[in-house]
Protein backbone atom coordinates (compact mmCIF):
# COMPACT_ATOMS: atom_id res chain seq x y z
CA MET A 1 -25.90 82.53 25.10
CA ALA A 2 -22.31 81.29 25.21
CA ASN A 3 -21.77 80.83 21.46
CA THR A 4 -20.72 84.23 20.10
CA SER A 5 -21.52 83.38 16.46
CA ALA A 6 -25.00 82.11 17.35
CA ARG A 7 -25.61 85.20 19.50
CA MET A 8 -24.55 87.49 16.63
CA LEU A 9 -26.97 85.77 14.28
CA ARG A 10 -29.75 86.13 16.85
CA LEU A 11 -28.91 89.81 17.33
CA LEU A 12 -28.98 90.43 13.59
CA SER A 13 -32.29 88.59 13.30
CA LEU A 14 -33.84 90.82 15.98
CA LEU A 15 -32.48 94.00 14.38
CA GLN A 16 -33.89 93.00 11.00
CA THR A 17 -37.42 93.56 12.30
CA HIS A 18 -36.47 97.25 11.95
CA ARG A 19 -38.11 98.15 15.22
CA TYR A 20 -36.26 100.34 17.68
CA TRP A 21 -34.77 98.20 20.45
CA PRO A 22 -33.97 99.79 23.84
CA GLY A 23 -30.56 98.60 24.92
CA GLY A 24 -31.77 96.91 28.10
CA GLU A 25 -34.53 95.00 26.33
CA LEU A 26 -32.23 93.82 23.53
CA ALA A 27 -29.58 92.68 26.01
CA GLY A 28 -32.27 90.83 27.96
CA ARG A 29 -33.45 89.03 24.83
CA LEU A 30 -29.89 87.85 24.20
CA GLY A 31 -29.11 87.05 27.84
CA VAL A 32 -26.01 89.25 27.94
CA SER A 33 -24.90 92.44 29.63
CA GLU A 34 -25.31 95.79 27.91
CA ARG A 35 -21.52 96.01 27.71
CA THR A 36 -21.41 92.71 25.75
CA LEU A 37 -24.27 93.97 23.60
CA ARG A 38 -22.27 97.08 22.68
CA ARG A 39 -19.31 94.88 21.65
CA ASP A 40 -21.60 92.73 19.50
CA ILE A 41 -23.07 95.83 17.83
CA ASP A 42 -19.53 96.99 17.05
CA ARG A 43 -18.77 93.60 15.49
CA LEU A 44 -21.82 93.92 13.23
CA ARG A 45 -20.68 97.37 12.15
CA ASP A 46 -17.22 96.00 11.37
CA LEU A 47 -18.92 93.49 9.08
CA GLY A 48 -20.64 96.36 7.28
CA TYR A 49 -24.15 96.25 8.80
CA PRO A 50 -25.38 99.83 9.45
CA VAL A 51 -26.68 99.85 13.04
CA ASP A 52 -27.78 103.23 14.40
CA ALA A 53 -27.49 103.88 18.14
CA ASN A 54 -29.02 106.41 20.53
CA ARG A 55 -27.11 106.94 23.73
CA GLY A 56 -28.39 107.85 27.17
CA VAL A 57 -30.83 106.33 29.66
CA ALA A 58 -33.39 105.62 26.92
CA GLY A 59 -30.73 104.63 24.40
CA GLY A 60 -31.15 101.78 21.97
CA TYR A 61 -30.39 100.35 18.56
CA GLN A 62 -32.00 100.08 15.15
CA LEU A 63 -30.86 98.62 11.83
CA ARG A 64 -30.87 101.36 9.25
CA SER A 65 -33.69 101.31 6.67
CA GLY A 66 -32.85 99.34 3.53
CA ALA A 67 -30.53 96.94 5.34
CA ALA A 68 -32.96 94.04 5.90
CA MET A 69 -30.66 91.28 4.70
CA PRO A 70 -29.52 87.95 6.11
CA PRO A 71 -25.81 87.51 6.79
CA LEU A 72 -23.89 86.02 3.87
CA LEU A 73 -22.19 82.89 5.17
CA LEU A 74 -19.49 82.85 2.51
CA ASP A 75 -15.89 83.97 2.55
CA ASP A 76 -14.71 86.68 0.14
CA GLU A 77 -13.42 84.30 -2.53
CA GLU A 78 -16.64 82.23 -2.50
CA ALA A 79 -18.78 85.36 -2.84
CA VAL A 80 -16.70 86.62 -5.77
CA ALA A 81 -16.82 83.19 -7.42
CA ILE A 82 -20.63 83.20 -7.23
CA ALA A 83 -20.80 86.67 -8.75
CA VAL A 84 -18.45 85.68 -11.59
CA GLY A 85 -20.47 82.54 -12.31
CA LEU A 86 -23.78 84.38 -12.35
CA ARG A 87 -22.41 87.19 -14.47
CA THR A 88 -21.08 84.68 -17.00
CA ALA A 89 -24.44 82.88 -17.05
CA ALA A 90 -26.21 86.23 -17.50
CA GLY A 91 -24.37 86.64 -20.80
CA SER A 92 -24.89 83.05 -21.86
CA ALA A 93 -26.26 81.98 -25.21
CA LEU A 94 -28.47 79.40 -23.50
CA ASP A 95 -32.07 80.42 -24.00
CA GLY A 96 -33.89 81.41 -20.82
CA ILE A 97 -30.95 81.52 -18.46
CA GLU A 98 -29.98 85.18 -18.85
CA GLU A 99 -32.89 86.75 -16.97
CA THR A 100 -32.79 84.14 -14.20
CA SER A 101 -29.08 84.70 -13.68
CA VAL A 102 -29.54 88.46 -13.49
CA ARG A 103 -32.26 88.04 -10.84
CA ALA A 104 -30.07 85.64 -8.85
CA LEU A 105 -27.08 87.97 -9.10
CA THR A 106 -29.21 90.85 -7.82
CA LYS A 107 -30.32 88.81 -4.81
CA VAL A 108 -26.77 87.71 -3.98
CA ILE A 109 -25.52 91.29 -4.12
CA GLN A 110 -28.39 92.49 -1.89
CA VAL A 111 -27.41 90.12 0.92
CA MET A 112 -23.74 91.04 0.81
CA PRO A 113 -22.29 93.40 3.38
CA PRO A 114 -21.04 96.62 1.74
CA ARG A 115 -17.41 95.45 1.99
CA LEU A 116 -18.09 92.50 -0.33
CA ARG A 117 -20.59 94.40 -2.45
CA ARG A 118 -17.94 96.97 -3.39
CA ARG A 119 -15.70 94.18 -4.67
CA VAL A 120 -18.48 92.69 -6.78
CA ASP A 121 -19.54 96.13 -8.04
CA ALA A 122 -15.96 96.68 -9.25
CA LEU A 123 -15.97 93.31 -10.97
CA GLN A 124 -19.30 94.10 -12.70
CA ALA A 125 -18.38 97.64 -13.71
CA TYR A 126 -14.94 96.83 -15.09
CA THR A 127 -15.57 93.61 -17.01
CA VAL A 128 -16.92 93.45 -20.54
CA PRO A 129 -18.54 90.19 -21.73
CA ALA A 130 -17.93 89.91 -25.46
CA ALA A 131 -19.17 86.41 -26.24
CA PRO A 132 -20.34 83.27 -24.45
CA GLY A 133 -18.11 80.29 -23.78
CA GLY A 134 -15.94 78.58 -21.18
CA GLY A 135 -12.23 79.04 -20.75
CA PRO A 136 -9.13 78.31 -18.71
CA THR A 137 -9.43 78.52 -14.94
CA VAL A 138 -8.85 82.05 -13.65
CA ASP A 139 -8.35 82.89 -9.97
CA ALA A 140 -11.36 84.83 -8.68
CA THR A 141 -9.20 86.83 -6.27
CA ALA A 142 -6.95 87.91 -9.15
CA LEU A 143 -9.99 89.08 -11.13
CA THR A 144 -11.16 91.11 -8.15
CA VAL A 145 -7.75 92.75 -7.63
CA ILE A 146 -7.61 93.68 -11.31
CA ALA A 147 -11.20 94.98 -11.37
CA GLN A 148 -10.62 97.14 -8.30
CA ALA A 149 -7.46 98.58 -9.85
CA CYS A 150 -9.50 99.42 -12.99
CA ARG A 151 -12.14 101.10 -10.85
CA ASP A 152 -9.66 103.05 -8.72
CA ASP A 153 -7.36 104.11 -11.61
CA GLU A 154 -4.47 102.47 -9.77
CA ARG A 155 -1.36 101.07 -11.43
CA LEU A 156 -1.05 97.30 -11.32
CA ARG A 157 2.04 95.08 -11.29
CA PHE A 158 2.00 91.38 -12.08
CA ASP A 159 4.12 88.54 -13.47
CA TYR A 160 3.24 87.43 -16.99
CA THR A 161 4.05 84.32 -19.02
CA ALA A 162 4.11 85.00 -22.76
CA ARG A 163 3.05 82.56 -25.45
CA ASP A 164 6.65 81.33 -25.88
CA GLY A 165 7.04 80.74 -22.12
CA THR A 166 9.04 83.91 -21.39
CA ARG A 167 8.27 85.32 -17.93
CA THR A 168 8.35 89.06 -17.28
CA SER A 169 7.20 91.53 -14.64
CA ARG A 170 4.75 94.08 -16.03
CA LEU A 171 3.59 97.48 -14.77
CA VAL A 172 0.32 98.63 -16.33
CA GLU A 173 -2.51 101.13 -16.11
CA PRO A 174 -5.53 98.76 -16.19
CA HIS A 175 -8.54 99.76 -18.27
CA ARG A 176 -11.03 96.87 -18.52
CA LEU A 177 -11.39 93.13 -18.06
CA VAL A 178 -12.90 91.45 -21.14
CA SER A 179 -14.54 88.03 -21.28
CA LEU A 180 -13.80 87.06 -24.86
CA GLY A 181 -14.76 83.70 -26.28
CA ARG A 182 -13.15 81.15 -23.98
CA ARG A 183 -10.78 83.40 -22.01
CA TRP A 184 -10.48 86.49 -19.82
CA TYR A 185 -8.28 89.36 -21.01
CA LEU A 186 -6.99 92.54 -19.37
CA VAL A 187 -6.86 95.59 -21.64
CA ALA A 188 -4.26 97.99 -20.21
CA TRP A 189 -1.69 100.65 -21.02
CA ASP A 190 1.80 99.19 -20.55
CA ALA A 191 3.63 101.84 -18.52
CA GLU A 192 7.08 100.49 -19.43
CA LYS A 193 6.53 99.67 -23.11
CA HIS A 194 4.37 102.80 -23.60
CA GLY A 195 1.50 101.22 -25.52
CA TRP A 196 -1.87 99.54 -25.21
CA ARG A 197 -1.69 95.79 -24.63
CA THR A 198 -4.03 92.85 -24.09
CA PHE A 199 -3.00 90.27 -21.46
CA ARG A 200 -4.50 86.82 -20.98
CA VAL A 201 -5.51 86.65 -17.32
CA ASP A 202 -4.80 82.91 -17.06
CA ARG A 203 -1.16 83.71 -17.90
CA LEU A 204 -1.02 86.45 -15.29
CA THR A 205 0.09 85.73 -11.70
CA ASP A 206 0.33 87.66 -8.45
CA PRO A 207 -1.48 90.88 -9.52
CA ARG A 208 -0.94 93.60 -6.92
CA ALA A 209 -2.03 97.20 -6.75
CA THR A 210 0.88 99.61 -6.37
CA GLY A 211 -0.98 102.47 -4.69
CA ALA A 212 0.09 104.80 -7.53
CA ARG A 213 -2.87 106.52 -9.22
CA PHE A 214 -2.95 107.49 -12.91
CA ARG A 215 -4.99 109.72 -15.19
CA PRO A 216 -7.07 107.41 -17.45
CA ARG A 217 -6.06 107.41 -21.11
CA GLU A 218 -8.44 107.18 -24.05
CA LEU A 219 -8.52 103.67 -25.51
CA PRO A 220 -8.23 103.66 -29.33
CA GLY A 221 -11.75 103.13 -30.66
CA GLY A 222 -13.21 103.35 -27.15
CA ASP A 223 -14.49 99.73 -27.17
CA ALA A 224 -12.46 97.39 -24.93
CA ALA A 225 -14.09 94.23 -26.29
CA GLU A 226 -13.44 95.20 -29.91
CA PHE A 227 -9.85 96.19 -29.06
CA ALA A 228 -9.27 92.79 -27.43
CA ARG A 229 -10.76 91.03 -30.46
CA ARG A 230 -8.41 92.86 -32.84
CA GLN A 231 -5.39 92.16 -30.65
CA THR A 232 -6.11 88.47 -30.26
CA ALA A 233 -6.83 88.11 -33.98
CA MET A 234 -3.23 89.18 -34.70
CA VAL A 235 -1.82 86.35 -32.54
CA PRO A 236 -0.85 83.34 -34.70
CA THR A 237 -2.76 80.13 -34.01
CA GLN A 238 -1.75 76.51 -34.47
CA TYR A 239 -4.41 75.55 -37.01
CA GLU A 240 -6.41 77.13 -39.80
CA ALA A 241 -9.56 74.99 -40.00
CA VAL A 242 -11.49 75.08 -43.27
CA VAL A 243 -14.94 73.47 -43.46
CA THR A 244 -17.61 73.39 -46.18
CA VAL A 245 -20.99 73.73 -44.48
CA ARG A 246 -24.24 72.77 -46.17
CA ALA A 247 -26.19 75.73 -44.83
CA ALA A 248 -26.83 79.30 -45.93
CA ALA A 249 -23.98 81.70 -45.22
CA ASP A 250 -26.11 84.16 -43.24
CA HIS A 251 -27.22 81.38 -40.85
CA VAL A 252 -23.64 80.20 -40.32
CA GLN A 253 -22.43 83.78 -39.80
CA ARG A 254 -25.03 84.37 -37.09
CA VAL A 255 -23.79 81.32 -35.20
CA VAL A 256 -20.07 81.92 -35.72
CA GLY A 257 -20.14 85.68 -35.17
CA ARG A 258 -16.70 87.24 -35.25
CA TRP A 259 -14.90 83.96 -34.60
CA GLY A 260 -14.66 82.86 -38.21
CA GLN A 261 -14.81 83.98 -41.81
CA VAL A 262 -17.81 82.79 -43.83
CA GLU A 263 -17.76 82.76 -47.64
CA PRO A 264 -20.97 81.91 -49.55
CA LEU A 265 -20.60 79.16 -52.16
CA ASP A 266 -24.23 79.18 -53.24
CA ASP A 267 -27.64 79.73 -51.65
CA VAL A 268 -27.42 76.60 -49.49
CA SER A 269 -23.72 76.16 -48.72
CA CYS A 270 -20.69 78.15 -47.61
CA ARG A 271 -17.06 77.85 -46.57
CA LEU A 272 -16.10 78.48 -42.95
CA VAL A 273 -12.55 79.34 -41.90
CA MET A 274 -11.54 79.50 -38.22
CA ASN A 275 -8.09 79.96 -36.71
CA VAL A 276 -7.76 77.89 -33.55
CA ASP A 277 -5.21 76.36 -31.19
CA THR A 278 -7.46 73.43 -30.27
CA PHE A 279 -10.49 71.88 -31.95
CA ASP A 280 -12.92 71.63 -29.02
CA TRP A 281 -14.31 75.15 -29.52
CA LEU A 282 -14.62 74.58 -33.28
CA VAL A 283 -16.59 71.37 -32.70
CA LEU A 284 -19.01 73.24 -30.42
CA VAL A 285 -19.52 75.83 -33.15
CA LEU A 286 -20.13 73.18 -35.81
CA THR A 287 -22.63 71.44 -33.54
CA SER A 288 -24.44 74.74 -32.95
CA ILE A 289 -24.78 75.32 -36.70
CA ASP A 290 -26.84 72.10 -36.90
CA ALA A 291 -25.99 71.27 -40.51
CA ASP A 292 -23.92 68.71 -42.44
CA PHE A 293 -20.35 69.68 -43.30
CA ASP A 294 -17.18 68.44 -44.98
CA VAL A 295 -13.69 69.05 -43.59
CA VAL A 296 -11.33 70.61 -46.13
CA GLY A 297 -8.44 70.70 -43.69
CA PRO A 298 -6.29 70.23 -41.75
CA PRO A 299 -5.95 66.42 -41.40
CA GLU A 300 -5.68 66.81 -37.61
CA LEU A 301 -9.27 68.08 -37.54
CA ARG A 302 -10.52 64.98 -39.33
CA GLU A 303 -8.74 62.77 -36.80
CA TYR A 304 -10.08 64.78 -33.87
CA LEU A 305 -13.65 64.47 -35.20
CA ARG A 306 -13.19 60.72 -35.80
CA VAL A 307 -11.94 60.06 -32.25
CA THR A 308 -14.59 62.33 -30.69
CA GLY A 309 -17.36 60.80 -32.79
CA GLU A 310 -16.36 57.27 -31.79
CA ARG A 311 -16.37 58.28 -28.14
CA LEU A 312 -19.86 59.79 -28.46
CA LEU A 313 -21.16 56.69 -30.24
CA ARG A 314 -19.80 54.44 -27.49
CA GLY A 315 -21.57 56.58 -24.94
CA ALA A 316 -24.83 56.43 -26.87
CA ALA A 317 -24.60 52.63 -27.21
CA ALA A 318 -23.78 51.99 -23.54
CA PRO A 319 -26.65 50.38 -21.59
CA SER A 320 -28.43 52.53 -19.02
CA ALA A 321 -27.32 52.06 -15.40
CA THR A 322 -30.96 51.46 -14.43
CA SER A 323 -31.71 48.94 -17.18
């Protein structure tokens, strides 16, 4: 079998029967010498597959119990991207998708070699989903580097672009990654400014572990998601949107959660206030409330709703492609 990759897949397939294979018989099945077989076994071990070997005249090979898994034909970044997507879906507000995503994530992790599984385990253990929603694109490799530094209690250095565009180099003791609303945040102790900080991961570039370990500090309040919420709430936003909603305040509050302030006006209406930089997230919230509303302000919100509404109406009126 001249193709090394095909031969490796065949070898793994034979080992996954979990029977004990004498070296001569296994080499014969593959059409290679026992010396080539030993090199192939070493390659499998390098990939993280636990193959036990008995030496001597009656020597042979067996895949260790619990390792019956197909090879994962993905590179590291693709595997991490799948895990991030499934983890996000597992915390989704879409009814019925959470349990399915958890099952799928479990299956993906089971077929990963230990080398990749450790990276995903770090990502799972050191991220805190706080609320559903999309967000700016974040590099999966950067998330993994940060998560591993959290897991290993290892100082992290990265370049950071502040809200006003100022670029700085930061040295931190990472604590947790938090998925909050529409963005990812890193909660960390700033080793140079000597205080707890929250960093937007989409503004963070070139994260790199320094190799320097630290003794973990106690986060004020102990809840990384709540800490990130408080920190982000203190950041000024571009708009304060005020909307009168014709629905009971308790219903609106359940939908909005911590992302807005709800004030009852009477039993069937309330006032909603949300601080936002853009209106797309606010429109999603209003749609989820499923009730009529009136915009109090700002004027930019009225214009955004008018333009968006016209676009949706045009789409609804367009003839079907199959008609």
